[in-house]
Amino acid sequence: MIVHITRRVEWATAVSAPTFRPASLDTEGFIHCSTPAQLLGPANALFRGQAGLVLLCIAPEKVRAPIVYEDCYGTGQPFPHVYGPLNRDAVVAVLDFPPRADGSFDLPPDLAEGDTDLS
């Protein structure tokens, strides 16, 4: 499974469309994703303290657009990037992703327990 962090309102808007097209697809050419093991790094660096977030849990085998694992950030870790719109049927679960009181994030229990089959 791979995951994408987005705002609940953005996902709610996308539910009526056949594909999800976050702004990064137009500005950078891909949709940023992480593996569950990588998730907290970008979450705490880029979304710290932000409320109203959800995690899109994505089954890579259902994604119609190419997924490329690459290190675009000089971290030494290849992150999954979806190079095209995300077909909604590839999203197998949507999990609330609230920050803790100090603004940092914890893995949701389903991901922390290693449950990668959320379909």
PDB file of N, CA and C in Angstrom:
ATOM      1  N   MET A   1       0.835  -1.177   0.000  1.00  0.00           N
ATOM      2  CA  MET A   1       0.000   0.000   0.000  1.00  0.00           C
ATOM      3  C   MET A   1       0.881   1.242   0.000  1.00  0.00           C
ATOM      4  N   ILE A   2       0.384   2.283  -0.656  1.00  0.00           N
ATOM      5  CA  ILE A   2       0.995   3.601  -0.575  1.00  0.00           C
ATOM      6  C   ILE A   2      -0.069   4.561  -0.068  1.00  0.00           C
ATOM      7  N   VAL A   3       0.370   5.691   0.467  1.00  0.00           N
ATOM      8  CA  VAL A   3      -0.573   6.654   1.037  1.00  0.00           C
ATOM      9  C   VAL A   3      -0.287   8.054   0.510  1.00  0.00           C
ATOM     10  N   HIS A   4      -1.358   8.835   0.463  1.00  0.00           N
ATOM     11  CA  HIS A   4      -1.267  10.233   0.045  1.00  0.00           C
ATOM     12  C   HIS A   4      -1.982  11.073   1.091  1.00  0.00           C
ATOM     13  N   ILE A   5      -1.345  12.144   1.548  1.00  0.00           N
ATOM     14  CA  ILE A   5      -1.949  13.067   2.501  1.00  0.00           C
ATOM     15  C   ILE A   5      -2.674  14.152   1.723  1.00  0.00           C
ATOM     16  N   THR A   6      -3.927  14.406   2.097  1.00  0.00           N
ATOM     17  CA  THR A   6      -4.677  15.479   1.464  1.00  0.00           C
ATOM     18  C   THR A   6      -5.654  16.076   2.473  1.00  0.00           C
ATOM     19  N   ARG A   7      -6.218  17.194   2.110  1.00  0.00           N
ATOM     20  CA  ARG A   7      -7.238  17.800   2.969  1.00  0.00           C
ATOM     21  C   ARG A   7      -8.577  17.106   2.719  1.00  0.00           C
ATOM     22  N   ARG A   8      -9.310  16.913   3.786  1.00  0.00           N
ATOM     23  CA  ARG A   8     -10.606  16.236   3.693  1.00  0.00           C
ATOM     24  C   ARG A   8     -11.500  16.916   2.660  1.00  0.00           C
ATOM     25  N   VAL A   9     -11.495  18.239   2.611  1.00  0.00           N
ATOM     26  CA  VAL A   9     -12.352  18.967   1.677  1.00  0.00           C
ATOM     27  C   VAL A   9     -11.943  18.698   0.225  1.00  0.00           C
ATOM     28  N   GLU A  10     -10.649  18.549  -0.039  1.00  0.00           N
ATOM     29  CA  GLU A  10     -10.203  18.246  -1.399  1.00  0.00           C
ATOM     30  C   GLU A  10     -10.667  16.857  -1.823  1.00  0.00           C
ATOM     31  N   TRP A  11     -10.582  15.894  -0.915  1.00  0.00           N
ATOM     32  CA  TRP A  11     -11.038  14.546  -1.240  1.00  0.00           C
ATOM     33  C   TRP A  11     -12.548  14.537  -1.413  1.00  0.00           C
ATOM     34  N   ALA A  12     -13.279  15.245  -0.562  1.00  0.00           N
ATOM     35  CA  ALA A  12     -14.744  15.289  -0.665  1.00  0.00           C
ATOM     36  C   ALA A  12     -15.172  15.855  -2.016  1.00  0.00           C
ATOM     37  N   THR A  13     -14.439  16.822  -2.511  1.00  0.00           N
ATOM     38  CA  THR A  13     -14.730  17.401  -3.823  1.00  0.00           C
ATOM     39  C   THR A  13     -14.455  16.387  -4.928  1.00  0.00           C
ATOM     40  N   ALA A  14     -13.424  15.571  -4.747  1.00  0.00           N
ATOM     41  CA  ALA A  14     -13.027  14.606  -5.779  1.00  0.00           C
ATOM     42  C   ALA A  14     -13.936  13.391  -5.839  1.00  0.00           C
ATOM     43  N   VAL A  15     -14.701  13.144  -4.795  1.00  0.00           N
ATOM     44  CA  VAL A  15     -15.516  11.929  -4.725  1.00  0.00           C
ATOM     45  C   VAL A  15     -16.507  11.837  -5.882  1.00  0.00           C
ATOM     46  N   SER A  16     -16.956  12.964  -6.388  1.00  0.00           N
ATOM     47  CA  SER A  16     -17.921  12.936  -7.493  1.00  0.00           C
ATOM     48  C   SER A  16     -17.253  12.818  -8.861  1.00  0.00           C
ATOM     49  N   ALA A  17     -15.928  12.867  -8.895  1.00  0.00           N
ATOM     50  CA  ALA A  17     -15.191  12.752 -10.168  1.00  0.00           C
ATOM     51  C   ALA A  17     -14.596  11.349 -10.286  1.00  0.00           C
ATOM     52  N   PRO A  18     -14.333  10.895 -11.514  1.00  0.00           N
ATOM     53  CA  PRO A  18     -13.749   9.561 -11.672  1.00  0.00           C
ATOM     54  C   PRO A  18     -12.284   9.484 -11.235  1.00  0.00           C
ATOM     55  N   THR A  19     -11.592  10.634 -11.214  1.00  0.00           N
ATOM     56  CA  THR A  19     -10.190  10.649 -10.814  1.00  0.00           C
ATOM     57  C   THR A  19      -9.929  11.786  -9.834  1.00  0.00           C
ATOM     58  N   PHE A  20      -8.861  11.638  -9.083  1.00  0.00           N
ATOM     59  CA  PHE A  20      -8.410  12.647  -8.130  1.00  0.00           C
ATOM     60  C   PHE A  20      -7.196  13.338  -8.721  1.00  0.00           C
ATOM     61  N   ARG A  21      -7.259  14.674  -8.783  1.00  0.00           N
ATOM     62  CA  ARG A  21      -6.186  15.468  -9.378  1.00  0.00           C
ATOM     63  C   ARG A  21      -5.753  16.558  -8.409  1.00  0.00           C
ATOM     64  N   PRO A  22      -4.875  16.242  -7.456  1.00  0.00           N
ATOM     65  CA  PRO A  22      -4.394  17.300  -6.566  1.00  0.00           C
ATOM     66  C   PRO A  22      -3.550  18.313  -7.339  1.00  0.00           C
ATOM     67  N   ALA A  23      -3.356  19.474  -6.752  1.00  0.00           N
ATOM     68  CA  ALA A  23      -2.623  20.555  -7.416  1.00  0.00           C
ATOM     69  C   ALA A  23      -1.225  20.131  -7.855  1.00  0.00           C
ATOM     70  N   SER A  24      -0.567  19.245  -7.095  1.00  0.00           N
ATOM     71  CA  SER A  24       0.797  18.853  -7.450  1.00  0.00           C
ATOM     72  C   SER A  24       0.880  18.162  -8.805  1.00  0.00           C
ATOM     73  N   LEU A  25      -0.211  17.563  -9.233  1.00  0.00           N
ATOM     74  CA  LEU A  25      -0.196  16.909 -10.544  1.00  0.00           C
ATOM     75  C   LEU A  25       0.030  17.941 -11.647  1.00  0.00           C
ATOM     76  N   ASP A  26      -0.570  19.118 -11.498  1.00  0.00           N
ATOM     77  CA  ASP A  26      -0.378  20.181 -12.495  1.00  0.00           C
ATOM     78  C   ASP A  26       0.935  20.940 -12.284  1.00  0.00           C
ATOM     79  N   THR A  27       1.312  21.166 -11.025  1.00  0.00           N
ATOM     80  CA  THR A  27       2.501  21.980 -10.766  1.00  0.00           C
ATOM     81  C   THR A  27       3.803  21.188 -10.844  1.00  0.00           C
ATOM     82  N   GLU A  28       3.767  19.893 -10.465  1.00  0.00           N
ATOM     83  CA  GLU A  28       4.996  19.104 -10.444  1.00  0.00           C
ATOM     84  C   GLU A  28       4.955  17.904 -11.385  1.00  0.00           C
ATOM     85  N   GLY A  29       3.766  17.572 -11.874  1.00  0.00           N
ATOM     86  CA  GLY A  29       3.648  16.471 -12.816  1.00  0.00           C
ATOM     87  C   GLY A  29       3.370  15.117 -12.191  1.00  0.00           C
ATOM     88  N   PHE A  30       3.221  15.067 -10.862  1.00  0.00           N
ATOM     89  CA  PHE A  30       2.936  13.803 -10.196  1.00  0.00           C
ATOM     90  C   PHE A  30       2.226  14.050  -8.877  1.00  0.00           C
ATOM     91  N   ILE A  31       1.709  12.973  -8.298  1.00  0.00           N
ATOM     92  CA  ILE A  31       1.052  13.006  -6.991  1.00  0.00           C
ATOM     93  C   ILE A  31       2.027  12.415  -5.983  1.00  0.00           C
ATOM     94  N   HIS A  32       2.351  13.190  -4.965  1.00  0.00           N
ATOM     95  CA  HIS A  32       3.258  12.741  -3.911  1.00  0.00           C
ATOM     96  C   HIS A  32       2.601  11.646  -3.079  1.00  0.00           C
ATOM     97  N   CYS A  33       3.312  10.563  -2.847  1.00  0.00           N
ATOM     98  CA  CYS A  33       2.845   9.496  -1.964  1.00  0.00           C
ATOM     99  C   CYS A  33       4.009   9.039  -1.097  1.00  0.00           C
ATOM    100  N   SER A  34       3.679   8.195  -0.143  1.00  0.00           N
ATOM    101  CA  SER A  34       4.663   7.584   0.745  1.00  0.00           C
ATOM    102  C   SER A  34       4.246   6.153   1.002  1.00  0.00           C
ATOM    103  N   THR A  35       5.194   5.353   1.457  1.00  0.00           N
ATOM    104  CA  THR A  35       4.822   4.070   2.033  1.00  0.00           C
ATOM    105  C   THR A  35       4.406   4.364   3.470  1.00  0.00           C
ATOM    106  N   PRO A  36       3.690   3.465   4.126  1.00  0.00           N
ATOM    107  CA  PRO A  36       3.358   3.710   5.538  1.00  0.00           C
ATOM    108  C   PRO A  36       4.601   3.964   6.392  1.00  0.00           C
ATOM    109  N   ALA A  37       5.702   3.279   6.115  1.00  0.00           N
ATOM    110  CA  ALA A  37       6.932   3.463   6.891  1.00  0.00           C
ATOM    111  C   ALA A  37       7.546   4.849   6.680  1.00  0.00           C
ATOM    112  N   GLN A  38       7.301   5.476   5.544  1.00  0.00           N
ATOM    113  CA  GLN A  38       7.862   6.800   5.237  1.00  0.00           C
ATOM    114  C   GLN A  38       6.952   7.939   5.654  1.00  0.00           C
ATOM    115  N   LEU A  39       5.725   7.667   5.952  1.00  0.00           N
ATOM    116  CA  LEU A  39       4.673   8.681   6.089  1.00  0.00           C
ATOM    117  C   LEU A  39       4.972   9.790   7.087  1.00  0.00           C
ATOM    118  N   LEU A  40       5.476   9.456   8.258  1.00  0.00           N
ATOM    119  CA  LEU A  40       5.626  10.472   9.303  1.00  0.00           C
ATOM    120  C   LEU A  40       6.671  11.529   8.973  1.00  0.00           C
ATOM    121  N   GLY A  41       7.675  11.192   8.175  1.00  0.00           N
ATOM    122  CA  GLY A  41       8.675  12.198   7.794  1.00  0.00           C
ATOM    123  C   GLY A  41       8.050  13.379   7.065  1.00  0.00           C
ATOM    124  N   PRO A  42       7.411  13.136   5.908  1.00  0.00           N
ATOM    125  CA  PRO A  42       6.778  14.251   5.201  1.00  0.00           C
ATOM    126  C   PRO A  42       5.610  14.866   5.980  1.00  0.00           C
ATOM    127  N   ALA A  43       4.861  14.042   6.703  1.00  0.00           N
ATOM    128  CA  ALA A  43       3.717  14.571   7.459  1.00  0.00           C
ATOM    129  C   ALA A  43       4.181  15.613   8.466  1.00  0.00           C
ATOM    130  N   ASN A  44       5.209  15.275   9.232  1.00  0.00           N
ATOM    131  CA  ASN A  44       5.675  16.204  10.265  1.00  0.00           C
ATOM    132  C   ASN A  44       6.471  17.371   9.691  1.00  0.00           C
ATOM    133  N   ALA A  45       7.096  17.185   8.548  1.00  0.00           N
ATOM    134  CA  ALA A  45       7.857  18.275   7.933  1.00  0.00           C
ATOM    135  C   ALA A  45       6.966  19.257   7.174  1.00  0.00           C
ATOM    136  N   LEU A  46       5.918  18.736   6.504  1.00  0.00           N
ATOM    137  CA  LEU A  46       5.136  19.578   5.598  1.00  0.00           C
ATOM    138  C   LEU A  46       3.733  19.920   6.094  1.00  0.00           C
ATOM    139  N   PHE A  47       3.191  19.137   7.016  1.00  0.00           N
ATOM    140  CA  PHE A  47       1.800  19.329   7.431  1.00  0.00           C
ATOM    141  C   PHE A  47       1.653  19.567   8.932  1.00  0.00           C
ATOM    142  N   ARG A  48       2.736  19.758   9.638  1.00  0.00           N
ATOM    143  CA  ARG A  48       2.715  19.904  11.091  1.00  0.00           C
ATOM    144  C   ARG A  48       1.647  20.908  11.532  1.00  0.00           C
ATOM    145  N   GLY A  49       0.796  20.472  12.461  1.00  0.00           N
ATOM    146  CA  GLY A  49      -0.222  21.340  13.043  1.00  0.00           C
ATOM    147  C   GLY A  49      -1.461  21.544  12.197  1.00  0.00           C
ATOM    148  N   GLN A  50      -1.508  20.966  11.008  1.00  0.00           N
ATOM    149  CA  GLN A  50      -2.666  21.170  10.139  1.00  0.00           C
ATOM    150  C   GLN A  50      -3.768  20.167  10.473  1.00  0.00           C
ATOM    151  N   ALA A  51      -4.947  20.676  10.664  1.00  0.00           N
ATOM    152  CA  ALA A  51      -6.114  19.831  10.931  1.00  0.00           C
ATOM    153  C   ALA A  51      -6.881  19.618   9.630  1.00  0.00           C
ATOM    154  N   GLY A  52      -7.847  18.698   9.660  1.00  0.00           N
ATOM    155  CA  GLY A  52      -8.688  18.450   8.494  1.00  0.00           C
ATOM    156  C   GLY A  52      -8.024  17.620   7.420  1.00  0.00           C
ATOM    157  N   LEU A  53      -7.017  16.819   7.808  1.00  0.00           N
ATOM    158  CA  LEU A  53      -6.311  15.990   6.837  1.00  0.00           C
ATOM    159  C   LEU A  53      -6.836  14.562   6.861  1.00  0.00           C
ATOM    160  N   VAL A  54      -6.698  13.904   5.723  1.00  0.00           N
ATOM    161  CA  VAL A  54      -6.999  12.481   5.621  1.00  0.00           C
ATOM    162  C   VAL A  54      -5.857  11.809   4.865  1.00  0.00           C
ATOM    163  N   LEU A  55      -5.763  10.504   5.072  1.00  0.00           N
ATOM    164  CA  LEU A  55      -4.816   9.689   4.324  1.00  0.00           C
ATOM    165  C   LEU A  55      -5.595   8.865   3.319  1.00  0.00           C
ATOM    166  N   LEU A  56      -5.208   8.952   2.068  1.00  0.00           N
ATOM    167  CA  LEU A  56      -5.771   8.081   1.050  1.00  0.00           C
ATOM    168  C   LEU A  56      -4.890   6.841   1.005  1.00  0.00           C
ATOM    169  N   CYS A  57      -5.461   5.714   1.326  1.00  0.00           N
ATOM    170  CA  CYS A  57      -4.734   4.440   1.294  1.00  0.00           C
ATOM    171  C   CYS A  57      -4.966   3.832  -0.079  1.00  0.00           C
ATOM    172  N   ILE A  58      -3.893   3.678  -0.821  1.00  0.00           N
ATOM    173  CA  ILE A  58      -3.961   3.356  -2.240  1.00  0.00           C
ATOM    174  C   ILE A  58      -3.370   1.966  -2.502  1.00  0.00           C
ATOM    175  N   ALA A  59      -4.102   1.159  -3.235  1.00  0.00           N
ATOM    176  CA  ALA A  59      -3.605  -0.145  -3.676  1.00  0.00           C
ATOM    177  C   ALA A  59      -2.843   0.061  -4.984  1.00  0.00           C
ATOM    178  N   PRO A  60      -1.511  -0.039  -4.968  1.00  0.00           N
ATOM    179  CA  PRO A  60      -0.728   0.252  -6.174  1.00  0.00           C
ATOM    180  C   PRO A  60      -1.152  -0.571  -7.390  1.00  0.00           C
ATOM    181  N   GLU A  61      -1.567  -1.806  -7.178  1.00  0.00           N
ATOM    182  CA  GLU A  61      -1.942  -2.653  -8.314  1.00  0.00           C
ATOM    183  C   GLU A  61      -3.217  -2.179  -9.002  1.00  0.00           C
ATOM    184  N   LYS A  62      -3.969  -1.291  -8.358  1.00  0.00           N
ATOM    185  CA  LYS A  62      -5.198  -0.766  -8.953  1.00  0.00           C
ATOM    186  C   LYS A  62      -5.001   0.584  -9.639  1.00  0.00           C
ATOM    187  N   VAL A  63      -3.858   1.206  -9.430  1.00  0.00           N
ATOM    188  CA  VAL A  63      -3.583   2.532  -9.997  1.00  0.00           C
ATOM    189  C   VAL A  63      -3.328   2.391 -11.486  1.00  0.00           C
ATOM    190  N   ARG A  64      -4.045   3.171 -12.276  1.00  0.00           N
ATOM    191  CA  ARG A  64      -3.906   3.097 -13.738  1.00  0.00           C
ATOM    192  C   ARG A  64      -2.720   3.910 -14.256  1.00  0.00           C
ATOM    193  N   ALA A  65      -2.372   4.981 -13.573  1.00  0.00           N
ATOM    194  CA  ALA A  65      -1.239   5.816 -13.983  1.00  0.00           C
ATOM    195  C   ALA A  65       0.063   5.155 -13.514  1.00  0.00           C
ATOM    196  N   PRO A  66       1.170   5.484 -14.163  1.00  0.00           N
ATOM    197  CA  PRO A  66       2.456   4.918 -13.732  1.00  0.00           C
ATOM    198  C   PRO A  66       2.830   5.386 -12.319  1.00  0.00           C
ATOM    199  N   ILE A  67       3.385   4.467 -11.539  1.00  0.00           N
ATOM    200  CA  ILE A  67       3.947   4.786 -10.227  1.00  0.00           C
ATOM    201  C   ILE A  67       5.452   4.625 -10.348  1.00  0.00           C
ATOM    202  N   VAL A  68       6.170   5.693 -10.002  1.00  0.00           N
ATOM    203  CA  VAL A  68       7.627   5.677 -10.078  1.00  0.00           C
ATOM    204  C   VAL A  68       8.172   5.946  -8.678  1.00  0.00           C
ATOM    205  N   TYR A  69       9.051   5.062  -8.209  1.00  0.00           N
ATOM    206  CA  TYR A  69       9.725   5.266  -6.926  1.00  0.00           C
ATOM    207  C   TYR A  69      11.012   6.017  -7.204  1.00  0.00           C
ATOM    208  N   GLU A  70      11.124   7.220  -6.624  1.00  0.00           N
ATOM    209  CA  GLU A  70      12.296   8.037  -6.903  1.00  0.00           C
ATOM    210  C   GLU A  70      12.610   8.939  -5.719  1.00  0.00           C
ATOM    211  N   ASP A  71      13.877   9.283  -5.614  1.00  0.00           N
ATOM    212  CA  ASP A  71      14.343  10.198  -4.572  1.00  0.00           C
ATOM    213  C   ASP A  71      14.537  11.567  -5.206  1.00  0.00           C
ATOM    214  N   CYS A  72      13.484  12.363  -5.187  1.00  0.00           N
ATOM    215  CA  CYS A  72      13.545  13.713  -5.765  1.00  0.00           C
ATOM    216  C   CYS A  72      14.032  14.744  -4.748  1.00  0.00           C
ATOM    217  N   TYR A  73      14.244  14.312  -3.521  1.00  0.00           N
ATOM    218  CA  TYR A  73      14.456  15.275  -2.441  1.00  0.00           C
ATOM    219  C   TYR A  73      15.818  15.137  -1.777  1.00  0.00           C
ATOM    220  N   GLY A  74      16.660  14.245  -2.276  1.00  0.00           N
ATOM    221  CA  GLY A  74      17.973  14.057  -1.697  1.00  0.00           C
ATOM    222  C   GLY A  74      17.961  13.405  -0.326  1.00  0.00           C
ATOM    223  N   THR A  75      16.929  12.624  -0.046  1.00  0.00           N
ATOM    224  CA  THR A  75      16.815  11.971   1.260  1.00  0.00           C
ATOM    225  C   THR A  75      17.465  10.594   1.270  1.00  0.00           C
ATOM    226  N   GLY A  76      17.741  10.049   0.101  1.00  0.00           N
ATOM    227  CA  GLY A  76      18.247   8.690   0.028  1.00  0.00           C
ATOM    228  C   GLY A  76      17.142   7.649   0.066  1.00  0.00           C
ATOM    229  N   GLN A  77      15.893   8.107   0.108  1.00  0.00           N
ATOM    230  CA  GLN A  77      14.749   7.197   0.119  1.00  0.00           C
ATOM    231  C   GLN A  77      13.924   7.391  -1.144  1.00  0.00           C
ATOM    232  N   PRO A  78      13.619   6.324  -1.855  1.00  0.00           N
ATOM    233  CA  PRO A  78      12.725   6.461  -3.010  1.00  0.00           C
ATOM    234  C   PRO A  78      11.269   6.527  -2.543  1.00  0.00           C
ATOM    235  N   PHE A  79      10.606   7.605  -2.880  1.00  0.00           N
ATOM    236  CA  PHE A  79       9.193   7.789  -2.563  1.00  0.00           C
ATOM    237  C   PHE A  79       8.349   7.450  -3.781  1.00  0.00           C
ATOM    238  N   PRO A  80       7.168   6.857  -3.578  1.00  0.00           N
ATOM    239  CA  PRO A  80       6.291   6.567  -4.713  1.00  0.00           C
ATOM    240  C   PRO A  80       5.593   7.837  -5.203  1.00  0.00           C
ATOM    241  N   HIS A  81       5.628   8.043  -6.494  1.00  0.00           N
ATOM    242  CA  HIS A  81       4.949   9.168  -7.134  1.00  0.00           C
ATOM    243  C   HIS A  81       4.036   8.617  -8.223  1.00  0.00           C
ATOM    244  N   VAL A  82       2.810   9.114  -8.241  1.00  0.00           N
ATOM    245  CA  VAL A  82       1.837   8.693  -9.246  1.00  0.00           C
ATOM    246  C   VAL A  82       1.869   9.724 -10.362  1.00  0.00           C
ATOM    247  N   TYR A  83       2.260   9.295 -11.559  1.00  0.00           N
ATOM    248  CA  TYR A  83       2.402  10.194 -12.701  1.00  0.00           C
ATOM    249  C   TYR A  83       1.136  10.208 -13.552  1.00  0.00           C
ATOM    250  N   GLY A  84       0.102  10.769 -12.985  1.00  0.00           N
ATOM    251  CA  GLY A  84      -1.174  10.907 -13.670  1.00  0.00           C
ATOM    252  C   GLY A  84      -2.276  10.999 -12.649  1.00  0.00           C
ATOM    253  N   PRO A  85      -3.505  11.213 -13.105  1.00  0.00           N
ATOM    254  CA  PRO A  85      -4.622  11.283 -12.166  1.00  0.00           C
ATOM    255  C   PRO A  85      -4.792   9.948 -11.446  1.00  0.00           C
ATOM    256  N   LEU A  86      -5.245  10.026 -10.217  1.00  0.00           N
ATOM    257  CA  LEU A  86      -5.472   8.828  -9.412  1.00  0.00           C
ATOM    258  C   LEU A  86      -6.916   8.370  -9.589  1.00  0.00           C
ATOM    259  N   ASN A  87      -7.094   7.192 -10.144  1.00  0.00           N
ATOM    260  CA  ASN A  87      -8.444   6.646 -10.284  1.00  0.00           C
ATOM    261  C   ASN A  87      -8.983   6.320  -8.889  1.00  0.00           C
ATOM    262  N   ARG A  88     -10.201   6.749  -8.624  1.00  0.00           N
ATOM    263  CA  ARG A  88     -10.785   6.639  -7.284  1.00  0.00           C
ATOM    264  C   ARG A  88     -10.901   5.202  -6.804  1.00  0.00           C
ATOM    265  N   ASP A  89     -11.088   4.253  -7.698  1.00  0.00           N
ATOM    266  CA  ASP A  89     -11.231   2.873  -7.249  1.00  0.00           C
ATOM    267  C   ASP A  89      -9.919   2.276  -6.734  1.00  0.00           C
ATOM    268  N   ALA A  90      -8.804   2.979  -6.893  1.00  0.00           N
ATOM    269  CA  ALA A  90      -7.534   2.528  -6.323  1.00  0.00           C
ATOM    270  C   ALA A  90      -7.418   2.908  -4.839  1.00  0.00           C
ATOM    271  N   VAL A  91      -8.277   3.813  -4.388  1.00  0.00           N
ATOM    272  CA  VAL A  91      -8.278   4.233  -2.984  1.00  0.00           C
ATOM    273  C   VAL A  91      -9.128   3.230  -2.205  1.00  0.00           C
ATOM    274  N   VAL A  92      -8.466   2.434  -1.382  1.00  0.00           N
ATOM    275  CA  VAL A  92      -9.156   1.351  -0.679  1.00  0.00           C
ATOM    276  C   VAL A  92      -9.617   1.760   0.716  1.00  0.00           C
ATOM    277  N   ALA A  93      -9.101   2.870   1.237  1.00  0.00           N
ATOM    278  CA  ALA A  93      -9.539   3.377   2.535  1.00  0.00           C
ATOM    279  C   ALA A  93      -9.154   4.846   2.640  1.00  0.00           C
ATOM    280  N   VAL A  94      -9.925   5.569   3.423  1.00  0.00           N
ATOM    281  CA  VAL A  94      -9.635   6.968   3.733  1.00  0.00           C
ATOM    282  C   VAL A  94      -9.632   7.072   5.255  1.00  0.00           C
ATOM    283  N   LEU A  95      -8.488   7.452   5.803  1.00  0.00           N
ATOM    284  CA  LEU A  95      -8.328   7.504   7.249  1.00  0.00           C
ATOM    285  C   LEU A  95      -8.154   8.939   7.717  1.00  0.00           C
ATOM    286  N   ASP A  96      -8.852   9.309   8.794  1.00  0.00           N
ATOM    287  CA  ASP A  96      -8.621  10.615   9.400  1.00  0.00           C
ATOM    288  C   ASP A  96      -7.174  10.686   9.865  1.00  0.00           C
ATOM    289  N   PHE A  97      -6.582  11.880   9.760  1.00  0.00           N
ATOM    290  CA  PHE A  97      -5.178  12.057  10.105  1.00  0.00           C
ATOM    291  C   PHE A  97      -5.003  13.340  10.927  1.00  0.00           C
ATOM    292  N   PRO A  98      -5.508  13.328  12.165  1.00  0.00           N
ATOM    293  CA  PRO A  98      -5.416  14.532  13.001  1.00  0.00           C
ATOM    294  C   PRO A  98      -4.037  14.672  13.638  1.00  0.00           C
ATOM    295  N   PRO A  99      -3.587  15.898  13.837  1.00  0.00           N
ATOM    296  CA  PRO A  99      -2.315  16.096  14.541  1.00  0.00           C
ATOM    297  C   PRO A  99      -2.508  15.910  16.050  1.00  0.00           C
ATOM    298  N   ARG A 100      -1.418  15.606  16.719  1.00  0.00           N
ATOM    299  CA  ARG A 100      -1.434  15.571  18.186  1.00  0.00           C
ATOM    300  C   ARG A 100      -1.465  17.005  18.701  1.00  0.00           C
ATOM    301  N   ALA A 101      -1.574  17.166  20.004  1.00  0.00           N
ATOM    302  CA  ALA A 101      -1.641  18.499  20.609  1.00  0.00           C
ATOM    303  C   ALA A 101      -0.423  19.354  20.258  1.00  0.00           C
ATOM    304  N   ASP A 102       0.746  18.730  20.099  1.00  0.00           N
ATOM    305  CA  ASP A 102       1.952  19.495  19.761  1.00  0.00           C
ATOM    306  C   ASP A 102       2.105  19.739  18.259  1.00  0.00           C
ATOM    307  N   GLY A 103       1.116  19.284  17.461  1.00  0.00           N
ATOM    308  CA  GLY A 103       1.134  19.510  16.016  1.00  0.00           C
ATOM    309  C   GLY A 103       1.753  18.380  15.215  1.00  0.00           C
ATOM    310  N   SER A 104       2.419  17.446  15.868  1.00  0.00           N
ATOM    311  CA  SER A 104       3.038  16.332  15.157  1.00  0.00           C
ATOM    312  C   SER A 104       2.010  15.232  14.915  1.00  0.00           C
ATOM    313  N   PHE A 105       2.411  14.252  14.132  1.00  0.00           N
ATOM    314  CA  PHE A 105       1.494  13.182  13.736  1.00  0.00           C
ATOM    315  C   PHE A 105       1.978  11.823  14.230  1.00  0.00           C
ATOM    316  N   ASP A 106       1.024  10.943  14.447  1.00  0.00           N
ATOM    317  CA  ASP A 106       1.259   9.529  14.700  1.00  0.00           C
ATOM    318  C   ASP A 106       0.602   8.759  13.575  1.00  0.00           C
ATOM    319  N   LEU A 107       1.095   7.562  13.326  1.00  0.00           N
ATOM    320  CA  LEU A 107       0.411   6.705  12.358  1.00  0.00           C
ATOM    321  C   LEU A 107      -0.963   6.334  12.894  1.00  0.00           C
ATOM    322  N   PRO A 108      -1.977   6.354  12.056  1.00  0.00           N
ATOM    323  CA  PRO A 108      -3.283   5.849  12.493  1.00  0.00           C
ATOM    324  C   PRO A 108      -3.143   4.391  12.915  1.00  0.00           C
ATOM    325  N   PRO A 109      -3.968   3.938  13.848  1.00  0.00           N
ATOM    326  CA  PRO A 109      -3.840   2.564  14.353  1.00  0.00           C
ATOM    327  C   PRO A 109      -3.809   1.503  13.250  1.00  0.00           C
ATOM    328  N   ASP A 110      -4.639   1.629  12.218  1.00  0.00           N
ATOM    329  CA  ASP A 110      -4.644   0.620  11.149  1.00  0.00           C
ATOM    330  C   ASP A 110      -3.294   0.518  10.453  1.00  0.00           C
ATOM    331  N   LEU A 111      -2.620   1.651  10.243  1.00  0.00           N
ATOM    332  CA  LEU A 111      -1.314   1.624   9.605  1.00  0.00           C
ATOM    333  C   LEU A 111      -0.225   1.224  10.585  1.00  0.00           C
ATOM    334  N   ALA A 112      -0.327   1.684  11.840  1.00  0.00           N
ATOM    335  CA  ALA A 112       0.671   1.369  12.844  1.00  0.00           C
ATOM    336  C   ALA A 112       0.705  -0.133  13.131  1.00  0.00           C
ATOM    337  N   GLU A 113      -0.432  -0.789  13.012  1.00  0.00           N
ATOM    338  CA  GLU A 113      -0.505  -2.221  13.269  1.00  0.00           C
ATOM    339  C   GLU A 113      -0.071  -3.029  12.047  1.00  0.00           C
ATOM    340  N   GLY A 114       0.320  -2.328  10.986  1.00  0.00           N
ATOM    341  CA  GLY A 114       0.803  -3.018   9.803  1.00  0.00           C
ATOM    342  C   GLY A 114      -0.303  -3.575   8.926  1.00  0.00           C
ATOM    343  N   ASP A 115      -1.526  -3.094   9.121  1.00  0.00           N
ATOM    344  CA  ASP A 115      -2.649  -3.571   8.312  1.00  0.00           C
ATOM    345  C   ASP A 115      -2.621  -2.858   6.970  1.00  0.00           C
ATOM    346  N   THR A 116      -1.999  -3.486   6.008  1.00  0.00           N
ATOM    347  CA  THR A 116      -1.901  -2.857   4.679  1.00  0.00           C
ATOM    348  C   THR A 116      -2.987  -3.349   3.754  1.00  0.00           C
ATOM    349  N   ASP A 117      -3.879  -4.207   4.230  1.00  0.00           N
ATOM    350  CA  ASP A 117      -4.997  -4.652   3.427  1.00  0.00           C
ATOM    351  C   ASP A 117      -6.277  -4.066   4.023  1.00  0.00           C
ATOM    352  N   LEU A 118      -6.574  -2.825   3.663  1.00  0.00           N
ATOM    353  CA  LEU A 118      -7.707  -2.112   4.235  1.00  0.00           C
ATOM    354  C   LEU A 118      -8.937  -2.162   3.362  1.00  0.00           C
ATOM    355  N   SER A 119      -8.889  -2.958   2.288  1.00  0.00           N
ATOM    356  CA  SER A 119     -10.019  -2.977   1.356  1.00  0.00           C
ATOM    357  C   SER A 119     -11.221  -3.678   1.898  1.00  0.00           C
TER     358      SER A 119
END
